[in-house]
Protein backbone atom coordinates (compact mmCIF):
# COMPACT_ATOMS: atom_id res chain seq x y z
CA MET A 1 0.00 0.00 0.00
CA ARG A 2 2.89 2.35 0.73
CA ARG A 3 4.08 1.91 -2.86
CA ILE A 4 0.60 2.72 -4.18
CA CYS A 5 0.51 5.91 -2.10
CA ILE A 6 3.94 6.99 -3.31
CA LEU A 7 2.91 6.42 -6.91
CA LEU A 8 -0.23 8.48 -6.37
CA LEU A 9 1.75 11.31 -4.81
CA GLY A 10 4.02 11.29 -7.85
CA LEU A 11 1.04 11.54 -10.15
CA CYS A 12 -0.25 14.46 -8.12
CA ALA A 13 2.91 16.41 -8.80
CA ALA A 14 2.88 15.49 -12.49
CA LEU A 15 -0.67 16.54 -13.35
CA PRO A 16 -0.99 19.82 -15.26
CA ALA A 17 -2.37 22.87 -13.47
CA GLN A 18 -6.14 23.16 -13.74
CA ALA A 19 -8.67 25.79 -12.76
CA MET A 20 -9.35 25.43 -9.07
CA GLU A 21 -12.89 24.85 -7.84
CA PRO A 22 -14.38 27.68 -5.73
CA ILE A 23 -13.64 27.49 -2.01
CA GLN A 24 -16.61 26.34 0.08
CA HIS A 25 -16.84 27.56 3.66
CA TRP A 26 -18.88 26.70 6.76
CA LEU A 27 -18.68 26.37 10.55
CA THR A 28 -18.77 23.15 12.52
CA ASP A 29 -21.15 22.82 15.46
CA ASN A 30 -18.34 23.56 17.92
CA GLY A 31 -17.11 26.63 16.03
CA ALA A 32 -14.24 25.50 13.80
CA ARG A 33 -14.06 27.34 10.46
CA VAL A 34 -13.92 24.96 7.49
CA TYR A 35 -12.59 25.69 3.98
CA PHE A 36 -13.06 23.00 1.35
CA VAL A 37 -12.06 22.55 -2.29
CA PRO A 38 -13.16 19.37 -4.10
CA ALA A 39 -10.42 17.76 -6.20
CA PRO A 40 -11.70 14.47 -7.64
CA GLU A 41 -8.85 13.94 -10.11
CA LEU A 42 -6.98 11.64 -7.69
CA PRO A 43 -8.30 9.40 -4.89
CA MET A 44 -6.54 11.47 -2.21
CA VAL A 45 -7.56 13.71 0.68
CA ASP A 46 -5.38 16.40 2.25
CA ILE A 47 -6.38 17.99 5.57
CA ARG A 48 -4.69 20.82 7.47
CA VAL A 49 -5.96 22.05 10.82
CA VAL A 50 -4.42 25.41 11.68
CA PHE A 51 -4.52 26.94 15.15
CA ASP A 52 -3.72 30.48 16.28
CA ALA A 53 -1.05 28.90 18.43
CA GLY A 54 2.29 30.04 17.09
CA SER A 55 5.23 31.47 19.02
CA ALA A 56 3.45 34.83 19.32
CA ARG A 57 1.42 33.01 22.01
CA ASP A 58 4.46 31.85 23.99
CA GLY A 59 3.64 34.36 26.71
CA GLY A 60 7.16 34.92 28.00
CA HIS A 61 8.22 31.29 27.57
CA PRO A 62 10.01 31.15 24.20
CA GLY A 63 9.78 27.72 22.62
CA LEU A 64 6.52 26.74 24.31
CA ALA A 65 4.38 26.78 21.15
CA GLY A 66 6.98 24.97 19.07
CA LEU A 67 7.63 22.26 21.62
CA THR A 68 3.90 21.72 22.17
CA ASN A 69 3.35 21.27 18.45
CA GLY A 70 6.38 19.02 18.08
CA LEU A 71 5.08 16.61 20.71
CA LEU A 72 1.63 16.10 19.19
CA ASP A 73 2.70 13.11 17.10
CA GLN A 74 4.98 11.69 19.79
CA GLY A 75 2.10 10.09 21.67
CA ALA A 76 -1.69 10.43 21.79
CA GLY A 77 -4.38 8.52 23.59
CA GLU A 78 -2.97 5.04 24.24
CA MET A 79 -0.49 5.29 21.34
CA ASP A 80 3.19 6.15 21.56
CA ALA A 81 5.13 7.62 18.64
CA ASP A 82 5.88 4.19 17.17
CA ALA A 83 2.23 3.13 17.31
CA ILE A 84 1.12 6.35 15.61
CA ALA A 85 3.65 5.86 12.84
CA GLU A 86 2.76 2.18 12.36
CA ARG A 87 -0.99 2.80 12.14
CA LEU A 88 -0.55 5.54 9.57
CA GLU A 89 1.97 3.47 7.62
CA SER A 90 -0.45 0.55 7.46
CA VAL A 91 -2.94 2.64 5.44
CA GLY A 92 -0.40 4.68 3.45
CA ALA A 93 -1.19 7.95 5.27
CA GLN A 94 1.20 10.75 6.17
CA LEU A 95 1.09 13.10 9.17
CA GLY A 96 2.95 16.38 9.57
CA THR A 97 3.16 19.17 12.13
CA GLY A 98 4.68 22.64 12.20
CA ALA A 99 4.60 26.03 13.88
CA ARG A 100 5.59 29.60 13.05
CA ARG A 101 5.02 32.95 14.74
CA ASP A 102 1.32 33.28 13.86
CA MET A 103 0.18 29.68 13.65
CA ALA A 104 0.65 26.00 14.34
CA TRP A 105 -0.75 23.21 12.18
CA VAL A 106 -1.25 19.48 11.82
CA ASN A 107 -1.58 17.91 8.36
CA LEU A 108 -2.95 14.56 7.21
CA ARG A 109 -2.68 13.05 3.72
CA SER A 110 -4.59 9.86 2.99
CA LEU A 111 -6.19 7.85 0.23
CA SER A 112 -9.85 8.83 0.06
CA SER A 113 -11.42 5.37 0.27
CA GLU A 114 -13.17 4.73 3.57
CA GLN A 115 -11.04 1.69 4.43
CA HIS A 116 -7.94 3.90 4.29
CA LEU A 117 -9.28 7.29 5.39
CA GLN A 118 -11.19 6.24 8.50
CA PRO A 119 -8.27 4.50 10.30
CA ALA A 120 -6.07 7.50 9.46
CA LEU A 121 -8.70 9.89 10.82
CA GLU A 122 -8.90 7.97 14.09
CA VAL A 123 -5.19 8.55 14.64
CA TYR A 124 -5.43 12.17 13.46
CA ARG A 125 -8.29 12.98 15.84
CA GLN A 126 -6.31 11.72 18.82
CA VAL A 127 -3.16 13.58 17.80
CA LEU A 128 -5.18 16.79 17.60
CA ALA A 129 -7.31 16.41 20.70
CA ALA A 130 -5.57 13.99 23.08
CA PRO A 131 -1.78 14.29 22.89
CA ALA A 132 -0.17 12.45 25.79
CA PHE A 133 2.78 14.78 26.47
CA ALA A 134 4.45 11.78 28.12
CA GLU A 135 7.38 12.68 30.34
CA THR A 136 9.84 10.55 28.38
CA ALA A 137 8.75 12.02 25.04
CA PHE A 138 8.85 15.53 26.51
CA ALA A 139 12.39 15.05 27.83
CA ARG A 140 13.53 13.64 24.49
CA GLU A 141 12.03 16.48 22.44
CA ARG A 142 13.36 19.11 24.80
CA ARG A 143 16.87 17.65 24.46
CA ARG A 144 16.52 17.60 20.68
CA THR A 145 15.34 21.23 20.68
CA LEU A 146 18.26 22.30 22.87
CA VAL A 147 20.73 20.60 20.54
CA GLY A 148 19.16 22.47 17.62
CA LEU A 149 19.39 25.77 19.47
CA GLN A 150 23.06 25.15 20.25
CA GLN A 151 23.70 24.50 16.58
CA MET A 152 21.93 27.73 15.61
CA ARG A 153 24.47 29.66 17.64
CA GLN A 154 27.14 28.43 15.23
CA GLN A 155 25.23 29.53 12.12
CA PRO A 156 25.68 33.22 11.22
CA SER A 157 22.43 33.27 9.24
CA GLN A 158 20.48 32.14 12.32
CA VAL A 159 22.33 34.57 14.59
CA ALA A 160 21.48 37.38 12.18
CA GLU A 161 17.81 36.42 11.89
CA ARG A 162 17.23 36.18 15.63
CA ALA A 163 18.96 39.50 16.27
CA PHE A 164 17.04 41.13 13.42
CA TYR A 165 13.62 40.06 14.72
CA ALA A 166 14.51 41.12 18.26
CA ALA A 167 15.61 44.57 17.12
CA LEU A 168 12.71 44.99 14.71
CA PHE A 169 9.85 43.98 17.00
CA GLY A 170 11.19 44.87 20.45
CA GLU A 171 8.57 43.97 23.07
CA HIS A 172 6.04 42.69 20.52
CA PRO A 173 5.35 38.92 20.57
CA TYR A 174 6.80 38.64 17.05
CA ALA A 175 10.24 39.26 18.55
CA THR A 176 10.06 35.81 20.17
CA PRO A 177 12.07 33.27 18.16
CA SER A 178 9.81 30.43 17.03
CA GLU A 179 12.38 27.82 18.10
CA GLY A 180 12.70 29.36 21.56
CA THR A 181 15.86 30.12 23.49
CA ILE A 182 18.18 27.79 25.34
CA GLU A 183 17.46 29.56 28.61
CA SER A 184 13.69 29.28 28.22
CA VAL A 185 13.49 25.74 26.82
CA GLN A 186 15.63 24.46 29.69
CA THR A 187 13.00 25.65 32.17
CA LEU A 188 9.87 24.45 30.35
CA GLU A 189 7.83 21.75 32.07
CA ARG A 190 5.45 19.18 30.71
CA GLU A 191 2.38 20.74 32.33
CA GLN A 192 3.03 24.04 30.56
CA LEU A 193 2.69 22.24 27.24
CA ALA A 194 -0.52 20.53 28.31
CA ALA A 195 -1.96 23.86 29.47
CA PHE A 196 -0.95 25.56 26.21
CA HIS A 197 -2.70 22.81 24.28
CA ARG A 198 -5.87 23.11 26.37
CA ARG A 199 -6.02 26.85 25.76
CA TYR A 200 -5.14 27.14 22.07
CA TYR A 201 -5.89 23.79 20.41
CA VAL A 202 -9.62 24.35 20.48
CA ALA A 203 -12.30 24.49 17.80
CA ARG A 204 -13.03 28.23 17.93
CA ASN A 205 -9.32 28.87 17.50
CA ALA A 206 -9.04 26.51 14.51
CA VAL A 207 -9.30 26.52 10.73
CA VAL A 208 -9.91 23.19 9.00
CA ALA A 209 -8.76 23.13 5.37
CA ILE A 210 -9.71 20.16 3.17
CA VAL A 211 -8.76 19.41 -0.44
CA GLY A 212 -9.49 16.15 -2.15
CA ASP A 213 -11.70 13.48 -3.60
CA LEU A 214 -14.83 14.30 -1.57
CA ASP A 215 -18.26 15.80 -2.17
CA ARG A 216 -19.69 18.47 0.14
CA ALA A 217 -21.66 16.04 2.31
CA ARG A 218 -18.67 13.83 2.94
CA ALA A 219 -16.43 16.84 3.56
CA GLU A 220 -18.88 18.09 6.19
CA ARG A 221 -18.79 14.73 7.95
CA LEU A 222 -15.00 14.70 7.79
CA ALA A 223 -14.72 18.22 9.22
CA ALA A 224 -17.13 17.36 12.02
CA SER A 225 -15.11 14.25 12.79
CA VAL A 226 -11.77 16.06 12.79
CA SER A 227 -12.94 18.93 15.00
CA GLY A 228 -15.36 16.91 17.09
CA GLY A 229 -12.78 15.81 19.63
CA LEU A 230 -11.71 19.39 20.32
CA ALA A 231 -13.17 21.48 23.10
CA ALA A 232 -15.08 24.49 21.75
CA GLY A 233 -12.89 26.94 23.68
CA GLU A 234 -12.37 30.54 22.64
CA PRO A 235 -10.37 32.27 19.91
CA ALA A 236 -6.99 33.65 20.86
CA PRO A 237 -7.09 37.40 21.56
CA ALA A 238 -5.94 39.77 18.84
CA LEU A 239 -2.22 40.50 18.85
CA PRO A 240 -1.10 44.08 19.55
CA ALA A 241 -0.27 46.35 16.63
CA VAL A 242 3.31 46.48 15.40
CA GLU A 243 4.72 49.95 15.90
CA SER A 244 6.81 51.71 13.25
CA LEU A 245 10.49 52.26 13.97
CA ALA A 246 11.34 55.59 15.56
CA ALA A 247 14.93 55.60 14.34
CA ALA A 248 17.54 53.58 12.50
CA ASP A 249 19.45 50.88 14.39
CA LEU A 250 22.70 49.20 13.33
CA GLN A 251 24.05 46.12 15.13
CA ARG A 252 27.39 44.50 14.38
CA ILE A 253 27.77 41.00 15.82
CA ASP A 254 31.18 39.38 15.76
CA HIS A 255 31.13 35.80 14.47
CA PRO A 256 33.96 33.57 13.22
CA SER A 257 32.81 33.31 9.61
CA SER A 258 34.42 34.27 6.33
CA GLN A 259 31.15 35.76 5.07
CA SER A 260 29.15 38.55 6.63
CA HIS A 261 25.38 38.06 6.74
CA ILE A 262 23.48 41.32 6.42
CA LEU A 263 19.77 41.82 7.13
CA MET A 264 18.08 45.20 6.85
CA GLY A 265 14.43 46.04 7.22
CA GLN A 266 11.46 47.50 9.03
CA PRO A 267 7.81 46.57 9.72
CA GLY A 268 6.13 45.95 6.39
CA MET A 269 2.56 44.75 5.85
CA ARG A 270 -0.05 42.40 7.21
CA ARG A 271 -2.16 39.79 5.44
CA GLY A 272 -5.11 41.50 3.76
CA ASP A 273 -3.26 44.82 3.70
CA GLU A 274 -4.81 47.36 1.34
CA ASP A 275 -1.37 47.96 -0.18
CA TYR A 276 -0.54 44.26 -0.50
CA PHE A 277 -0.54 43.96 -4.30
CA ALA A 278 1.28 47.23 -4.94
CA LEU A 279 4.00 46.32 -2.44
CA TYR A 280 4.16 42.72 -3.68
CA VAL A 281 4.57 43.65 -7.35
CA GLY A 282 6.97 46.45 -6.47
CA ASN A 283 9.12 44.15 -4.41
CA TYR A 284 9.48 41.78 -7.36
CA VAL A 285 11.23 44.63 -9.17
CA LEU A 286 13.21 45.70 -6.12
CA GLY A 287 14.59 42.38 -4.86
CA GLY A 288 12.09 39.56 -5.25
CA GLY A 289 12.73 38.75 -8.89
CA GLY A 290 16.03 36.97 -8.47
CA LEU A 291 18.80 37.91 -10.89
CA VAL A 292 16.57 40.40 -12.74
CA SER A 293 15.80 42.49 -9.65
CA ARG A 294 17.29 45.91 -8.93
CA ILE A 295 19.13 44.74 -5.81
CA SER A 296 20.73 41.77 -7.56
CA GLU A 297 21.70 43.95 -10.53
CA GLU A 298 23.38 46.59 -8.36
CA VAL A 299 24.98 44.38 -5.72
CA ARG A 300 25.86 41.25 -7.70
CA GLU A 301 25.98 41.98 -11.42
CA LYS A 302 27.53 45.45 -11.45
CA ARG A 303 29.85 45.17 -8.46
CA GLY A 304 30.29 41.47 -7.67
CA LEU A 305 29.75 42.10 -3.96
CA SER A 306 27.45 39.16 -3.31
CA TYR A 307 26.31 35.94 -4.93
CA SER A 308 22.79 36.40 -3.55
CA ALA A 309 21.01 39.65 -2.69
CA TYR A 310 17.26 39.92 -2.24
CA SER A 311 14.25 41.52 -0.59
CA TYR A 312 10.83 40.29 0.48
CA PHE A 313 7.77 41.18 2.51
CA LEU A 314 6.57 38.61 5.03
CA PRO A 315 2.95 39.55 5.80
CA MET A 316 1.46 38.16 9.01
CA ALA A 317 -1.62 38.77 11.17
CA ARG A 318 0.03 42.04 12.18
CA ARG A 319 2.68 43.83 10.16
CA GLY A 320 5.45 41.38 9.38
CA PRO A 321 8.90 42.44 8.24
CA LEU A 322 10.20 43.93 5.05
CA VAL A 323 13.57 42.16 4.73
CA LEU A 324 16.52 43.06 2.53
CA GLY A 325 19.47 40.72 2.75
CA LEU A 326 22.77 39.58 1.32
CA GLN A 327 25.95 37.69 2.10
CA THR A 328 29.37 39.04 1.26
CA ARG A 329 33.02 38.74 2.24
CA ASN A 330 33.72 40.37 5.59
CA GLU A 331 35.93 43.08 4.11
CA GLN A 332 33.17 44.05 1.66
CA ALA A 333 30.33 44.26 4.17
CA ASP A 334 30.22 48.04 4.48
CA ALA A 335 30.46 48.59 0.72
CA ALA A 336 27.69 46.07 0.03
CA LEU A 337 25.48 47.60 2.71
CA GLN A 338 25.95 51.06 1.22
CA VAL A 339 24.87 49.81 -2.22
CA LEU A 340 21.84 48.08 -0.65
CA ARG A 341 20.80 51.30 1.10
CA GLU A 342 21.27 53.44 -2.00
CA THR A 343 19.32 51.00 -4.19
CA LEU A 344 16.39 51.00 -1.78
CA ALA A 345 16.37 54.79 -1.40
CA ARG A 346 16.45 55.29 -5.17
CA PHE A 347 13.64 52.79 -5.72
CA VAL A 348 11.44 54.45 -3.10
CA ALA A 349 12.09 57.87 -4.61
CA GLU A 350 11.66 56.95 -8.27
CA GLY A 351 9.67 53.73 -8.36
CA PRO A 352 9.98 51.11 -11.10
CA THR A 353 10.11 51.73 -14.82
CA GLU A 354 7.20 50.73 -17.02
CA ALA A 355 9.35 47.99 -18.59
CA GLU A 356 10.12 46.58 -15.13
CA MET A 357 6.43 46.67 -14.24
CA GLU A 358 5.44 44.80 -17.38
CA ALA A 359 8.07 42.12 -16.76
CA ALA A 360 7.02 41.77 -13.12
CA ARG A 361 3.33 41.40 -13.93
CA LYS A 362 4.02 38.81 -16.63
CA HIS A 363 6.30 36.74 -14.43
CA ILE A 364 4.02 36.78 -11.39
CA THR A 365 0.83 35.97 -13.27
CA GLY A 366 2.51 33.44 -15.53
CA GLY A 367 3.96 31.52 -12.61
CA PHE A 368 0.90 31.67 -10.38
CA PRO A 369 -0.85 28.52 -11.70
CA LEU A 370 2.24 26.48 -10.77
CA ARG A 371 1.76 27.44 -7.12
CA ILE A 372 -1.58 25.62 -6.91
CA ASP A 373 -0.96 22.71 -9.26
CA SER A 374 -1.08 20.05 -6.54
CA ASN A 375 -3.53 19.30 -3.75
CA SER A 376 -0.96 19.99 -1.06
CA GLU A 377 -0.16 23.43 -2.48
CA THR A 378 -3.84 24.28 -2.81
CA LEU A 379 -4.31 23.15 0.79
CA GLU A 380 -1.67 25.57 2.06
CA TYR A 381 -3.31 28.44 0.21
CA ILE A 382 -6.84 27.81 1.41
CA ALA A 383 -5.60 27.30 4.98
CA MET A 384 -3.86 30.68 4.71
CA ILE A 385 -7.03 32.25 3.31
CA GLY A 386 -9.05 30.87 6.18
CA PHE A 387 -6.56 31.72 8.91
CA TYR A 388 -6.16 35.33 7.80
CA ASP A 389 -9.83 35.74 6.84
CA LEU A 390 -9.10 36.67 3.24
CA PRO A 391 -11.85 36.72 0.57
CA LEU A 392 -12.91 33.30 -0.70
CA ASP A 393 -12.17 34.40 -4.27
CA TYR A 394 -8.63 35.49 -3.37
CA LEU A 395 -6.97 32.93 -5.65
CA GLN A 396 -9.39 33.45 -8.55
CA ARG A 397 -8.80 37.22 -8.47
CA PHE A 398 -5.06 37.11 -7.76
CA ASN A 399 -3.83 37.58 -11.33
CA ASP A 400 -6.39 40.29 -12.09
CA ARG A 401 -5.29 42.25 -9.04
CA VAL A 402 -1.63 41.88 -9.98
CA ASN A 403 -2.35 43.07 -13.54
CA ALA A 404 -4.23 46.08 -12.18
CA VAL A 405 -1.16 47.39 -10.31
CA THR A 406 0.37 50.42 -12.01
CA ARG A 407 3.77 52.06 -11.73
CA ALA A 408 2.13 54.95 -9.89
CA ASP A 409 0.53 52.52 -7.41
CA VAL A 410 3.92 51.01 -6.57
CA ARG A 411 5.64 54.37 -6.18
CA ASP A 412 2.84 55.69 -3.99
CA ALA A 413 2.74 52.60 -1.76
CA PHE A 414 6.53 52.46 -1.27
CA GLN A 415 6.76 56.16 -0.51
CA ARG A 416 4.03 55.88 2.11
CA ARG A 417 5.11 52.58 3.64
CA VAL A 418 8.92 52.36 3.40
CA GLN A 419 11.33 54.73 5.16
CA PRO A 420 14.92 53.99 4.04
CA GLU A 421 16.31 56.29 6.71
CA ARG A 422 14.68 54.26 9.52
CA MET A 423 15.91 50.69 9.08
CA VAL A 424 17.10 48.01 11.47
CA THR A 425 20.38 46.61 10.14
CA VAL A 426 22.20 43.56 11.49
CA ILE A 427 25.67 42.51 10.31
CA VAL A 428 26.97 39.14 11.52
CA GLY A 429 30.52 38.15 10.63
CA GLU A 430 34.11 38.67 11.64
CA GLN A 431 34.23 42.32 12.59
CA PRO A 432 37.26 44.52 11.86
CA SER A 433 39.50 45.19 14.86
CA GLU A 434 39.31 48.65 16.35
């Protein structure tokens, strides 16, 4: 059966992109929000349950959300991790978990026939609603997390990212590293994880996304089954607003590496932001378009200061970061940073050319169908739509909204939203001696 499932997954990736069915939406009896897209082409079902239970909910205990999520499949009900894996393996199903700053999720992929789907759902329900948080599993996962955190201290990219988020968000919950800190994880106790699960892994704090070989009636039964073991609970409270930076901040962190890692940025935009499409298209020209972007042209092609230079917006429930980044030899760090700053300032002042806009629109709209050409990719999108309460026709209208963005729109949005003179900048690498 495992071989059959693998073959089917391969077919899923090989099928050509097709027009996606409209998203269907409803609430379960205990308050979970459900988003469903039928996909009868293959006998598969993909489910993602997303909770507002990311590291922004750590509440002064960095690593709590991530460790809670990581233990869900390490024991549930009467099953230990081995039993969970064996039961899913026996029906060719796959389970996955993950957590970021805004959210935590649990995925299930199964064949759609009842004899395969129902046993997988029984395991899935218990993982969601009745994780054991056994002391031995907790101790093992905490040790594994601590080893990972120790390794991050040796990686300049991770050192830079953690310092960047701390400087950018200050006292906001987004400053909390999703993986936690060594000091915090060492002090976490099993009961804290159980309490976190009781508070946040509840139906009214959940989005259930379903894509697959189901009709509406069967999808409703599946959603009711998946969410039925959860307590109704209450939604997580809204996160505080992200404040704009009052002034520029430059941090130099000494690290024994031959390359300096540079991150520069400021609070950017949130999901559903009114300026989303103007900023998104504009950023493709600025630094999101790979080798054809302004930043890559100025930093890499003209001056050879970096192999990779980029920019991106990371929208979240509240304003996520605008990030500009590059890696360069230590002795070139200041020169590369100066080019990065000048390129951003010039783009904000002048905006893109019409030729750049046309190329950006064509590339974004031409590549968009490839982002939803498998069930798993569609699942991620509709879960995102549900979690951030975006319009149900978001995907259908995406290309039209991209094509509607003008050069003037981009220039206006960047001038209102981006302040090159007020940026957090972090440089991690071997620093010059005084």
